[in-house]
Amino acid sequence: MSVPVPRQRTGSAVTVGPIAAAPATAGPIAADPVSESAGGGDLMLLVIEDDPAGTFTVPELLGAAGTRVRIRTARNLTEAERLLTDDIHCILVDLALPGSARDRAEGDELAVLRHVLRIAPKHAVLALTADADSERAAEAVRVGAQDFLHRDELDGRVLSRAIRYAVERKRADSAQVKLAESRLRAQENARLERGLLPTPLLQGSDLRFAARYRPGRSRALLGGDFYDTVRTPDGTVHAMIGDVCGHGPDEAALGVELRIAWRALTFAGMCGDELLSTLQQVLEHERESDEIFATLCTVDIAPDGRRAGLCLAGHPSPLIVRKGRPARLLPYENGGPALGLLPRARWPRRQVELGAAWSLMMYTDGLIEGRTGAGGDRLGQDGMVDMVNRQLAAGLGGEALLEAAVAEVRELNGGDLTDDVAVLLLDRDRPHG
């Protein structure tokens, strides 16, 4: 049954059903008003309606199921914007409300509704029409309203159901939009991953390659760590791994720049000190501040696979596993500083013997700086070597070895690592004469 509800002073809130009036207070617009429960709790309705008689006829809602709908009224859009606070769940807009003089001149009969949809994009909106305005009511739904109501057909059941339906439909629409956005982000991330993470270029080499990468930032695609592996026309295999200090998107972008520069310079025939000196110039030109630096480890493996040149720029030494022997760190003394720390620095290249069959593991310090339990010491290089030897004894190798190493470091740390982790493995298991 419909009963007239006296209109209180503009800006007040009246209750339909068994509760007392609640004051309207200005506040921030809700971040997502339809996310609040609409299954059986209270709802606040903002009515935008200019009734010359000063009343708004609304059905009396039964309280048998505990449903309460409170109404806040506004005579125009200016009052509506002021009253659109974070407790509003649904807005009822009278399509007969006159718009601006410009809107009337342009014949836009839905200008008021369009304005409400702009200022309240996350709220459920209902259109209120006269019986003769069915065509305009349908158009209101097409432009964004969740539903429409005929003024002369309102009763408690219709209004209560329409409000809850509008809120639930808006929530479903918002969820669908978020799902679509999530899918688009996932697709974009996949494209970024293909473009930014390297594809090893080892065609013609008998070396096997494996890598694992885990950024420290939550939900990030890339961190400041970077790596790459290529084979040049003379048969030499070049590998590198590096770490830009910091974990933000700027550091990730700089890491990608350094990796691409390294690949281009390597194919141009540079290696050792000449290559690192040029990379330092790239870093100095591209970094955001003079405090940004990067560590780097480069290895160039001879075509016969038995020896390699090694350069370290403030980076931990690789780990080598020779057939029938335990893993150990490659000995290296007098390496150069990290890129970007000292002008005109030098990075000596050291020749190392690899042997006939071997595995070479290169890594960033995220793999060794995790803690060994709450309040424990860092794992460190020695702890990493012991861990890898245990995994080798268990028969692991290749990608399984890297996966197990990263997983165990995370487990020892008691959760996610705060630093980026990159690790790559080169294997040569077919001895040549």
Protein backbone atom coordinates (compact mmCIF):
# COMPACT_ATOMS: atom_id res chain seq x y z
CA MET A 1 0.00 0.00 0.00
CA SER A 2 1.28 3.51 -0.85
CA VAL A 3 1.18 6.21 1.73
CA PRO A 4 2.29 9.86 1.46
CA VAL A 5 5.41 10.64 3.43
CA PRO A 6 5.70 14.30 4.44
CA ARG A 7 8.79 15.87 3.00
CA GLN A 8 11.10 17.19 5.68
CA ARG A 9 13.60 19.96 5.14
CA THR A 10 15.82 19.35 2.13
CA GLY A 11 18.88 17.39 3.13
CA SER A 12 17.14 15.37 5.84
CA ALA A 13 16.72 11.62 5.86
CA VAL A 14 13.43 9.92 6.63
CA THR A 15 12.81 6.24 7.26
CA VAL A 16 10.22 4.09 5.57
CA GLY A 17 9.57 1.17 7.85
CA PRO A 18 10.25 0.59 11.54
CA ILE A 19 13.26 2.85 12.25
CA ALA A 20 13.79 6.44 13.30
CA ALA A 21 15.10 9.23 11.09
CA ALA A 22 18.84 9.48 10.53
CA PRO A 23 20.67 12.73 9.85
CA ALA A 24 22.40 13.27 6.52
CA THR A 25 26.04 14.12 6.91
CA ALA A 26 28.41 15.17 4.19
CA GLY A 27 31.35 12.88 3.56
CA PRO A 28 33.49 11.29 0.86
CA ILE A 29 31.81 9.52 -2.02
CA ALA A 30 31.88 5.76 -1.51
CA ALA A 31 34.74 3.96 -3.20
CA ASP A 32 32.40 1.09 -4.08
CA PRO A 33 28.96 1.47 -2.43
CA VAL A 34 27.46 -1.63 -4.03
CA SER A 35 30.09 -3.84 -2.42
CA GLU A 36 28.24 -3.51 0.89
CA SER A 37 25.75 -6.24 1.69
CA ALA A 38 22.47 -5.91 -0.13
CA GLY A 39 21.15 -9.34 0.76
CA GLY A 40 19.18 -8.36 3.87
CA GLY A 41 20.69 -5.29 5.54
CA ASP A 42 19.61 -1.68 5.55
CA LEU A 43 19.71 0.36 2.36
CA MET A 44 19.93 4.11 1.87
CA LEU A 45 18.10 5.59 -1.12
CA LEU A 46 18.86 9.05 -2.48
CA VAL A 47 15.78 10.48 -4.26
CA ILE A 48 16.38 13.33 -6.73
CA GLU A 49 12.92 14.69 -7.40
CA ASP A 50 11.37 18.14 -7.63
CA ASP A 51 7.81 17.81 -6.33
CA PRO A 52 6.02 21.20 -6.28
CA ALA A 53 3.69 19.89 -3.56
CA GLY A 54 6.64 19.24 -1.30
CA THR A 55 5.92 15.54 -0.81
CA PHE A 56 7.15 12.30 -2.24
CA THR A 57 4.74 9.36 -2.24
CA VAL A 58 6.55 6.17 -1.38
CA PRO A 59 5.31 2.72 -0.34
CA GLU A 60 5.57 1.68 3.24
CA LEU A 61 8.03 -1.21 3.42
CA LEU A 62 7.11 -4.13 5.65
CA GLY A 63 9.68 -4.96 8.32
CA ALA A 64 8.89 -8.67 8.61
CA ALA A 65 12.23 -9.66 7.14
CA GLY A 66 14.09 -6.87 8.92
CA THR A 67 14.33 -4.82 5.72
CA ARG A 68 14.76 -1.09 6.22
CA VAL A 69 15.03 1.50 3.48
CA ARG A 70 15.96 5.00 4.50
CA ILE A 71 15.33 7.88 2.12
CA ARG A 72 17.36 11.01 1.58
CA THR A 73 15.84 13.64 -0.71
CA ALA A 74 17.33 16.29 -2.97
CA ARG A 75 15.43 18.81 -5.11
CA ASN A 76 18.21 19.38 -7.64
CA LEU A 77 21.64 18.14 -8.74
CA THR A 78 23.53 20.58 -6.53
CA GLU A 79 21.84 19.16 -3.41
CA ALA A 80 22.29 15.62 -4.75
CA GLU A 81 26.07 16.03 -5.08
CA ARG A 82 26.24 17.29 -1.49
CA LEU A 83 24.16 14.39 -0.19
CA LEU A 84 25.94 11.68 -2.18
CA THR A 85 27.85 10.25 0.78
CA ASP A 86 29.41 6.90 1.39
CA ASP A 87 26.26 5.34 2.86
CA ILE A 88 24.13 5.76 -0.29
CA HIS A 89 23.38 2.45 -2.01
CA CYS A 90 20.95 3.50 -4.72
CA ILE A 91 19.81 6.71 -6.42
CA LEU A 92 16.27 7.29 -7.73
CA VAL A 93 16.20 10.02 -10.40
CA ASP A 94 12.99 11.65 -11.57
CA LEU A 95 13.31 11.93 -15.36
CA ALA A 96 10.88 14.86 -15.25
CA LEU A 97 13.38 16.94 -13.31
CA PRO A 98 14.30 19.91 -15.56
CA GLY A 99 17.88 20.11 -16.75
CA SER A 100 19.88 23.21 -17.55
CA ALA A 101 18.74 25.77 -20.09
CA ARG A 102 21.34 24.44 -22.50
CA ASP A 103 20.07 20.88 -22.07
CA ARG A 104 16.51 22.01 -22.71
CA ALA A 105 17.60 23.94 -25.79
CA GLU A 106 19.37 20.86 -27.13
CA GLY A 107 16.37 18.68 -26.39
CA ASP A 108 18.30 16.24 -24.18
CA GLU A 109 15.54 14.69 -22.06
CA LEU A 110 18.01 12.50 -20.15
CA ALA A 111 20.56 15.19 -19.29
CA VAL A 112 19.87 14.96 -15.55
CA LEU A 113 20.26 11.19 -15.59
CA ARG A 114 23.51 11.45 -17.57
CA HIS A 115 24.84 13.93 -15.03
CA VAL A 116 23.98 11.57 -12.14
CA LEU A 117 25.69 8.67 -13.90
CA ARG A 118 28.82 10.82 -14.30
CA ILE A 119 29.01 11.92 -10.67
CA ALA A 120 28.07 8.49 -9.27
CA PRO A 121 29.65 5.90 -11.61
CA LYS A 122 29.78 3.22 -8.90
CA HIS A 123 26.24 3.66 -7.55
CA ALA A 124 23.10 1.81 -8.61
CA VAL A 125 20.68 4.20 -10.36
CA LEU A 126 16.91 3.89 -10.91
CA ALA A 127 14.84 6.12 -13.21
CA LEU A 128 11.43 7.37 -12.06
CA THR A 129 8.94 8.06 -14.86
CA ALA A 130 5.28 8.68 -15.52
CA ASP A 131 3.27 5.87 -17.10
CA ALA A 132 3.28 7.62 -20.47
CA ASP A 133 7.09 7.82 -20.58
CA SER A 134 7.85 4.15 -21.27
CA GLU A 135 10.01 4.95 -24.29
CA ARG A 136 12.11 7.44 -22.34
CA ALA A 137 12.33 4.96 -19.45
CA ALA A 138 13.71 2.29 -21.76
CA GLU A 139 16.23 4.78 -23.13
CA ALA A 140 17.29 5.55 -19.55
CA VAL A 141 18.22 1.90 -19.07
CA ARG A 142 20.15 1.92 -22.34
CA VAL A 143 22.28 4.87 -21.22
CA GLY A 144 23.15 3.32 -17.85
CA ALA A 145 20.29 3.14 -15.33
CA GLN A 146 19.81 -0.28 -13.74
CA ASP A 147 16.00 -0.16 -14.07
CA PHE A 148 13.02 2.21 -14.23
CA LEU A 149 9.88 2.60 -12.11
CA HIS A 150 6.51 4.09 -13.05
CA ARG A 151 5.42 6.64 -10.47
CA ASP A 152 1.79 5.52 -10.44
CA GLU A 153 2.61 1.85 -9.89
CA LEU A 154 4.81 2.14 -6.83
CA ASP A 155 4.06 -0.03 -3.85
CA GLY A 156 6.20 -1.43 -1.08
CA ARG A 157 7.02 -4.67 -2.83
CA VAL A 158 7.90 -3.03 -6.15
CA LEU A 159 10.13 -0.37 -4.63
CA SER A 160 11.94 -2.74 -2.26
CA ARG A 161 12.55 -5.30 -4.99
CA ALA A 162 13.65 -2.64 -7.51
CA ILE A 163 16.20 -1.13 -5.12
CA ARG A 164 17.74 -4.47 -4.23
CA TYR A 165 17.71 -5.60 -7.84
CA ALA A 166 19.44 -2.39 -8.92
CA VAL A 167 22.11 -2.73 -6.24
CA GLU A 168 22.76 -6.39 -7.08
CA ARG A 169 22.81 -5.73 -10.82
CA LYS A 170 25.25 -2.86 -10.37
CA ARG A 171 27.44 -5.09 -8.23
CA ALA A 172 27.33 -7.80 -10.92
CA ASP A 173 28.13 -5.26 -13.62
CA SER A 174 31.06 -3.92 -11.59
CA ALA A 175 32.37 -7.43 -11.01
CA GLN A 176 32.11 -8.17 -14.73
CA VAL A 177 34.02 -5.00 -15.57
CA LYS A 178 36.74 -5.87 -13.05
CA LEU A 179 36.96 -9.40 -14.47
CA ALA A 180 37.30 -8.04 -18.00
CA GLU A 181 39.97 -5.57 -16.84
CA SER A 182 41.81 -8.38 -15.05
CA ARG A 183 41.80 -10.49 -18.20
CA LEU A 184 43.09 -7.58 -20.26
CA ARG A 185 45.87 -6.97 -17.72
CA ALA A 186 46.78 -10.66 -17.80
CA GLN A 187 46.96 -10.59 -21.59
CA GLU A 188 49.03 -7.40 -21.51
CA ASN A 189 51.34 -8.88 -18.88
CA ALA A 190 51.85 -11.93 -21.09
CA ARG A 191 52.81 -9.66 -23.99
CA LEU A 192 55.15 -7.69 -21.73
CA GLU A 193 56.72 -10.90 -20.46
CA ARG A 194 57.43 -12.07 -23.98
CA GLY A 195 58.90 -8.70 -24.86
CA LEU A 196 60.90 -7.90 -21.73
CA LEU A 197 62.12 -11.25 -20.45
CA PRO A 198 64.85 -12.61 -22.71
CA THR A 199 64.71 -15.51 -25.11
CA PRO A 200 68.10 -17.25 -25.10
CA LEU A 201 69.78 -17.36 -28.51
CA LEU A 202 71.76 -20.61 -28.39
CA GLN A 203 71.06 -22.15 -31.79
CA GLY A 204 73.96 -24.41 -32.78
CA SER A 205 75.28 -24.79 -29.22
CA ASP A 206 75.34 -28.06 -27.26
CA LEU A 207 74.73 -26.19 -24.01
CA ARG A 208 71.40 -26.51 -22.21
CA PHE A 209 69.80 -23.45 -20.66
CA ALA A 210 67.39 -23.00 -17.74
CA ALA A 211 66.34 -19.93 -15.76
CA ARG A 212 64.03 -18.85 -12.96
CA TYR A 213 62.93 -15.30 -12.24
CA ARG A 214 60.89 -13.98 -9.32
CA PRO A 215 60.42 -10.22 -8.71
CA GLY A 216 60.34 -9.05 -5.11
CA ARG A 217 57.47 -6.58 -5.61
CA SER A 218 53.99 -7.99 -5.09
CA ARG A 219 52.17 -8.65 -8.39
CA ALA A 220 55.09 -7.22 -10.36
CA LEU A 221 56.10 -8.68 -13.69
CA LEU A 222 59.71 -7.53 -13.52
CA GLY A 223 62.15 -6.43 -10.87
CA GLY A 224 65.59 -4.89 -11.03
CA ASP A 225 67.29 -8.22 -11.82
CA PHE A 226 68.09 -9.11 -15.43
CA TYR A 227 69.86 -11.84 -17.40
CA ASP A 228 70.55 -12.98 -20.96
CA THR A 229 72.37 -15.63 -22.98
CA VAL A 230 73.42 -15.53 -26.64
CA ARG A 231 75.73 -17.38 -29.04
CA THR A 232 77.80 -15.28 -31.42
CA PRO A 233 78.73 -16.41 -34.96
CA ASP A 234 82.19 -17.62 -33.84
CA GLY A 235 80.56 -20.22 -31.56
CA THR A 236 81.22 -18.42 -28.28
CA VAL A 237 78.36 -18.52 -25.77
CA HIS A 238 77.94 -15.32 -23.77
CA ALA A 239 75.89 -15.22 -20.57
CA MET A 240 75.28 -12.45 -18.09
CA ILE A 241 73.22 -11.73 -15.00
CA GLY A 242 72.81 -8.42 -13.19
CA ASP A 243 70.97 -6.54 -10.48
CA VAL A 244 69.94 -2.88 -10.40
CA CYS A 245 69.71 -1.58 -6.82
CA GLY A 246 66.10 -1.07 -5.80
CA HIS A 247 62.88 -2.91 -6.64
CA GLY A 248 60.58 -0.37 -8.30
CA PRO A 249 59.37 -0.01 -11.89
CA ASP A 250 62.15 2.47 -12.71
CA GLU A 251 64.77 -0.08 -11.68
CA ALA A 252 62.99 -2.79 -13.67
CA ALA A 253 63.01 -0.56 -16.76
CA LEU A 254 66.69 0.20 -16.30
CA GLY A 255 67.45 -3.52 -16.01
CA VAL A 256 65.72 -4.13 -19.34
CA GLU A 257 67.73 -1.32 -20.95
CA LEU A 258 71.00 -2.75 -19.68
CA ARG A 259 70.11 -6.25 -20.86
CA ILE A 260 69.23 -5.06 -24.36
CA ALA A 261 72.40 -2.93 -24.50
CA TRP A 262 74.49 -5.93 -23.38
CA ARG A 263 73.03 -8.11 -26.15
CA ALA A 264 73.65 -5.47 -28.82
CA LEU A 265 77.22 -4.81 -27.65
CA THR A 266 77.95 -8.53 -27.44
CA PHE A 267 76.84 -9.10 -31.03
CA ALA A 268 78.98 -6.08 -31.97
CA GLY A 269 82.03 -8.02 -30.73
CA MET A 270 82.60 -6.39 -27.33
CA CYS A 271 83.40 -8.33 -24.15
CA GLY A 272 85.21 -7.89 -20.86
CA ASP A 273 86.31 -4.44 -19.74
CA GLU A 274 85.31 -2.72 -22.98
CA LEU A 275 81.75 -4.01 -22.76
CA LEU A 276 81.34 -3.17 -19.07
CA SER A 277 82.75 0.32 -19.55
CA THR A 278 80.18 0.97 -22.26
CA LEU A 279 77.38 -0.43 -20.10
CA GLN A 280 78.42 1.92 -17.32
CA GLN A 281 77.97 4.84 -19.73
CA VAL A 282 74.48 3.56 -20.57
CA LEU A 283 73.66 3.31 -16.87
CA GLU A 284 74.94 6.81 -16.13
CA HIS A 285 72.81 8.30 -18.90
CA GLU A 286 69.61 6.36 -18.09
CA ARG A 287 69.46 6.24 -14.28
CA GLU A 288 67.17 8.52 -12.30
CA SER A 289 69.83 9.55 -9.77
CA ASP A 290 73.56 9.24 -9.24
CA GLU A 291 72.90 6.82 -6.36
CA ILE A 292 71.60 4.11 -8.69
CA PHE A 293 74.10 1.35 -9.49
CA ALA A 294 74.04 -2.17 -10.90
CA THR A 295 76.06 -5.29 -10.24
CA LEU A 296 76.91 -7.59 -13.15
CA CYS A 297 78.48 -10.95 -13.90
CA THR A 298 79.47 -11.86 -17.46
CA VAL A 299 80.78 -15.16 -18.79
CA ASP A 300 82.01 -15.90 -22.31
CA ILE A 301 82.39 -19.63 -22.94
CA ALA A 302 84.79 -20.77 -25.66
CA PRO A 303 83.39 -22.71 -28.63
CA ASP A 304 84.94 -25.95 -27.32
CA GLY A 305 83.07 -25.44 -24.01
CA ARG A 306 86.11 -26.17 -21.82
CA ARG A 307 87.07 -22.69 -20.67
CA ALA A 308 85.53 -19.29 -20.15
CA GLY A 309 86.31 -15.66 -19.47
CA LEU A 310 84.72 -14.24 -16.32
CA CYS A 311 84.12 -10.60 -15.34
CA LEU A 312 82.53 -9.47 -12.09
CA ALA A 313 81.26 -5.95 -11.41
CA GLY A 314 80.42 -6.08 -7.72
CA HIS A 315 78.48 -9.32 -8.30
CA PRO A 316 78.77 -12.70 -6.53
CA SER A 317 80.82 -15.34 -8.34
CA PRO A 318 79.02 -18.16 -10.21
CA LEU A 319 78.74 -21.68 -8.87
CA ILE A 320 80.17 -24.57 -10.88
CA VAL A 321 79.41 -28.26 -10.69
CA ARG A 322 81.83 -30.62 -12.44
CA LYS A 323 80.88 -34.21 -13.10
CA GLY A 324 81.52 -36.37 -10.05
CA ARG A 325 82.46 -33.39 -7.86
CA PRO A 326 80.48 -31.24 -5.42
CA ALA A 327 79.37 -27.73 -6.33
CA ARG A 328 81.70 -24.88 -5.49
CA LEU A 329 82.09 -21.19 -6.26
CA LEU A 330 84.38 -20.19 -9.10
CA PRO A 331 87.42 -18.56 -7.52
CA TYR A 332 87.71 -14.91 -8.42
CA GLU A 333 89.72 -12.15 -6.84
CA ASN A 334 90.16 -8.48 -7.69
CA GLY A 335 86.85 -8.01 -9.47
CA GLY A 336 85.78 -4.52 -10.40
CA PRO A 337 83.17 -2.32 -8.67
CA ALA A 338 79.48 -2.24 -9.45
CA LEU A 339 78.53 -0.23 -12.52
CA GLY A 340 77.83 3.39 -11.75
CA LEU A 341 79.91 3.66 -8.57
CA LEU A 342 83.28 4.84 -9.82
CA PRO A 343 84.11 6.78 -12.98
CA ARG A 344 86.76 5.26 -15.25
CA ALA A 345 86.65 1.96 -13.33
CA ARG A 346 88.17 -1.21 -14.78
CA TRP A 347 86.90 -4.77 -14.80
CA PRO A 348 89.61 -7.39 -15.36
CA ARG A 349 88.63 -10.54 -17.24
CA ARG A 350 89.84 -13.79 -15.72
CA GLN A 351 90.24 -17.06 -17.62
CA VAL A 352 88.74 -20.09 -15.86
CA GLU A 353 88.88 -23.79 -16.73
CA LEU A 354 85.52 -25.50 -16.90
CA GLY A 355 86.39 -29.03 -17.94
CA ALA A 356 84.60 -31.48 -20.22
CA ALA A 357 81.21 -31.77 -18.47
CA TRP A 358 79.89 -29.16 -16.09
CA SER A 359 76.97 -27.02 -14.91
CA LEU A 360 77.40 -23.29 -14.32
CA MET A 361 74.87 -21.49 -12.11
CA MET A 362 74.69 -17.68 -12.16
CA TYR A 363 72.42 -15.89 -9.68
CA THR A 364 71.56 -12.57 -8.09
CA ASP A 365 71.98 -11.82 -4.40
CA GLY A 366 68.25 -12.31 -3.76
CA LEU A 367 69.05 -16.04 -3.69
CA ILE A 368 71.59 -15.69 -0.87
CA GLU A 369 70.27 -12.78 1.20
CA GLY A 370 67.14 -14.48 2.50
CA ARG A 371 67.07 -15.41 6.19
CA THR A 372 67.29 -18.92 7.57
CA GLY A 373 64.26 -18.65 9.83
CA ALA A 374 62.81 -15.81 11.89
CA GLY A 375 65.69 -13.68 13.15
CA GLY A 376 68.20 -16.05 11.57
CA ASP A 377 71.36 -15.23 9.67
CA ARG A 378 71.50 -14.73 5.93
CA LEU A 379 71.82 -17.90 3.89
CA GLY A 380 74.95 -16.53 2.23
CA GLN A 381 77.02 -18.09 -0.53
CA ASP A 382 78.31 -20.95 1.64
CA GLY A 383 74.77 -21.84 2.70
CA MET A 384 73.66 -21.74 -0.93
CA VAL A 385 76.47 -24.10 -1.96
CA ASP A 386 75.49 -26.58 0.78
CA MET A 387 71.85 -26.36 -0.29
CA VAL A 388 72.66 -27.00 -3.95
CA ASN A 389 74.86 -29.97 -3.05
CA ARG A 390 71.97 -31.52 -1.10
CA GLN A 391 69.70 -31.08 -4.08
CA LEU A 392 72.28 -32.53 -6.44
CA ALA A 393 72.63 -35.54 -4.15
CA ALA A 394 68.87 -35.98 -4.45
CA GLY A 395 69.28 -36.29 -8.21
CA LEU A 396 68.00 -32.85 -9.22
CA GLY A 397 69.33 -30.95 -12.18
CA GLY A 398 68.36 -28.38 -14.80
CA GLU A 399 65.04 -26.61 -14.28
CA ALA A 400 64.12 -28.91 -11.37
CA LEU A 401 67.30 -27.84 -9.55
CA LEU A 402 66.54 -24.15 -9.99
CA GLU A 403 62.91 -24.57 -8.95
CA ALA A 404 63.94 -26.46 -5.83
CA ALA A 405 66.63 -23.90 -4.97
CA VAL A 406 64.24 -20.94 -5.16
CA ALA A 407 61.55 -22.83 -3.25
CA GLU A 408 63.92 -23.85 -0.45
CA VAL A 409 65.32 -20.33 -0.08
CA ARG A 410 61.78 -19.02 0.25
CA GLU A 411 60.92 -21.73 2.79
CA LEU A 412 64.04 -21.00 4.84
CA ASN A 413 63.11 -17.32 4.79
CA GLY A 414 59.70 -18.15 6.23
CA GLY A 415 57.79 -16.59 3.36
CA ASP A 416 58.18 -14.44 0.27
CA LEU A 417 61.58 -12.92 -0.36
CA THR A 418 61.74 -9.13 -0.31
CA ASP A 419 64.48 -9.00 -2.96
CA ASP A 420 64.26 -9.96 -6.61
CA VAL A 421 65.66 -13.38 -7.52
CA ALA A 422 67.11 -14.38 -10.87
CA VAL A 423 69.06 -17.57 -11.45
CA LEU A 424 70.20 -19.26 -14.66
CA LEU A 425 71.92 -22.55 -15.36
CA LEU A 426 74.08 -23.60 -18.30
CA ASP A 427 74.81 -27.34 -18.67
CA ARG A 428 77.35 -29.16 -20.81
CA ASP A 429 77.01 -32.90 -20.34
CA ARG A 430 78.45 -34.28 -23.60
CA PRO A 431 82.26 -34.32 -23.44
CA HIS A 432 84.12 -33.58 -26.65
CA GLY A 433 87.58 -34.84 -27.43
